[in-house]
Amino acid sequence: MAKCDQGYLCEVCGEDVAAITDSDLYLRYVIGMVDPETLHTSPERHIRCNPSLAQFIVADEFPAVTCSGAFDKKRLDDEFVRQREQLVTRGWRRLHEVVASENAIIDYPLPEVKQKLRKKFGAQ
């Protein structure tokens, strides 16, 4: 089977990441943690297979994820946790918006991320 026929396999569990709404890679892209130039070469994971990020999604529709060890949000600064929960939850909601849209991939990121990308790449 050709690699392109395999879909996007999670580097953690090995299963197919079938939907963008389950994609850790696209979540990280939307919130500015993955540069668009490296998106196609970055490894994929299910959001839930990356508990250090998934724990920051706070939404009734997303069952809570816990992360043990040093990166458990209970061990982190309260203000950092609040800001990270806002960002990651907004990013997760954005993934659900882009599924229903016909936006170009460059328009997926949150507005503040798109603004930083415009400055970085010199677009107006």
Protein backbone atom coordinates (compact mmCIF):
# COMPACT_ATOMS: atom_id res chain seq x y z
CA MET A 1 0.00 0.00 0.00
CA ALA A 2 1.30 3.45 -0.89
CA LYS A 3 1.93 5.82 1.99
CA CYS A 4 -0.65 8.27 0.60
CA ASP A 5 -3.26 5.48 0.72
CA GLN A 6 -2.66 4.94 4.43
CA GLY A 7 -4.13 8.26 5.54
CA TYR A 8 -2.65 10.08 8.49
CA LEU A 9 -1.57 7.61 11.13
CA CYS A 10 -1.18 8.61 14.77
CA GLU A 11 2.46 8.33 15.82
CA VAL A 12 1.30 7.29 19.32
CA CYS A 13 -1.40 4.65 18.78
CA GLY A 14 -0.86 3.86 15.10
CA GLU A 15 -4.54 4.30 14.21
CA ASP A 16 -5.87 6.55 11.44
CA VAL A 17 -6.59 10.16 12.38
CA ALA A 18 -9.71 10.23 10.27
CA ALA A 19 -11.09 13.68 11.07
CA ILE A 20 -9.48 17.08 11.36
CA THR A 21 -11.46 17.58 14.57
CA ASP A 22 -9.40 14.74 16.10
CA SER A 23 -6.08 16.04 14.77
CA ASP A 24 -3.43 17.17 17.21
CA LEU A 25 -1.36 18.42 14.27
CA TYR A 26 -4.10 20.70 12.97
CA LEU A 27 -5.01 21.85 16.46
CA ARG A 28 -1.39 22.88 17.01
CA TYR A 29 -1.39 24.60 13.59
CA VAL A 30 -4.59 26.53 14.36
CA ILE A 31 -3.18 27.82 17.68
CA GLY A 32 0.21 28.73 16.24
CA MET A 33 2.38 25.90 17.51
CA VAL A 34 3.11 24.50 14.01
CA ASP A 35 4.47 26.64 11.20
CA PRO A 36 2.59 26.29 7.89
CA GLU A 37 5.87 25.50 6.15
CA THR A 38 6.36 22.39 8.31
CA LEU A 39 2.74 21.26 8.48
CA HIS A 40 3.20 18.64 5.76
CA THR A 41 6.30 17.16 7.40
CA SER A 42 5.14 17.16 11.03
CA PRO A 43 3.96 13.97 12.74
CA GLU A 44 0.27 13.41 13.34
CA ARG A 45 -1.49 12.30 16.52
CA HIS A 46 -5.01 12.14 17.82
CA ILE A 47 -5.69 15.03 20.18
CA ARG A 48 -6.37 12.55 22.98
CA CYS A 49 -3.02 10.85 22.30
CA ASN A 50 -1.29 14.08 23.33
CA PRO A 51 -2.59 14.56 26.89
CA SER A 52 -0.18 17.42 27.63
CA LEU A 53 -2.17 19.50 25.11
CA ALA A 54 -5.59 17.80 25.29
CA GLN A 55 -5.92 18.52 29.02
CA PHE A 56 -6.36 22.19 28.15
CA ILE A 57 -9.56 21.66 26.14
CA VAL A 58 -12.41 22.70 28.40
CA ALA A 59 -15.70 21.97 26.66
CA ASP A 60 -18.74 19.91 27.57
CA GLU A 61 -18.47 18.13 24.21
CA PHE A 62 -14.89 17.02 24.89
CA PRO A 63 -14.41 14.51 27.71
CA ALA A 64 -11.68 15.74 30.05
CA VAL A 65 -8.19 14.38 29.57
CA THR A 66 -5.70 14.13 32.40
CA CYS A 67 -1.97 14.34 32.08
CA SER A 68 0.20 12.80 34.73
CA GLY A 69 3.66 13.92 35.67
CA ALA A 70 5.45 17.24 35.35
CA PHE A 71 3.12 18.58 32.65
CA ASP A 72 -0.11 17.99 34.59
CA LYS A 73 -1.91 21.33 34.50
CA LYS A 74 -2.59 21.01 38.23
CA ARG A 75 1.15 21.48 38.75
CA LEU A 76 1.39 24.57 36.53
CA ASP A 77 0.89 28.25 37.22
CA ASP A 78 -2.82 29.15 37.45
CA GLU A 79 -2.57 32.09 35.04
CA PHE A 80 -0.68 30.02 32.48
CA VAL A 81 -3.33 27.30 32.75
CA ARG A 82 -6.16 29.81 32.31
CA GLN A 83 -4.55 31.31 29.20
CA ARG A 84 -3.68 27.91 27.74
CA GLU A 85 -7.23 26.61 28.33
CA GLN A 86 -8.67 29.61 26.51
CA LEU A 87 -6.29 29.24 23.56
CA VAL A 88 -6.51 25.48 23.13
CA THR A 89 -10.28 25.39 23.60
CA ARG A 90 -10.71 28.17 21.03
CA GLY A 91 -8.44 26.25 18.67
CA TRP A 92 -10.43 23.05 19.15
CA ARG A 93 -13.66 24.93 18.43
CA ARG A 94 -12.01 26.45 15.34
CA LEU A 95 -11.31 22.95 14.00
CA HIS A 96 -15.04 22.28 14.16
CA GLU A 97 -15.72 25.54 12.27
CA VAL A 98 -13.31 24.80 9.43
CA VAL A 99 -14.84 21.38 8.84
CA ALA A 100 -18.08 23.08 7.89
CA SER A 101 -16.40 25.75 5.76
CA GLU A 102 -14.60 25.91 2.45
CA ASN A 103 -11.73 27.97 3.86
CA ALA A 104 -8.25 27.59 2.45
CA ILE A 105 -5.83 25.94 4.87
CA ILE A 106 -4.00 29.25 5.38
CA ASP A 107 -7.25 30.61 6.87
CA TYR A 108 -7.61 27.85 9.48
CA PRO A 109 -5.56 29.51 12.27
CA LEU A 110 -7.08 31.76 14.91
CA PRO A 111 -7.10 35.48 13.99
CA GLU A 112 -4.13 36.39 16.18
CA VAL A 113 -2.12 33.52 14.71
CA LYS A 114 -2.98 34.59 11.15
CA GLN A 115 -1.81 38.10 12.01
CA LYS A 116 1.56 36.78 13.24
CA LEU A 117 1.89 34.66 10.09
CA ARG A 118 1.21 37.70 7.89
CA LYS A 119 3.98 39.60 9.65
CA LYS A 120 6.36 36.66 9.45
CA PHE A 121 5.79 36.00 5.77
CA GLY A 122 5.36 39.64 4.74
CA ALA A 123 1.76 39.36 3.51
CA GLN A 124 -0.64 42.21 3.98
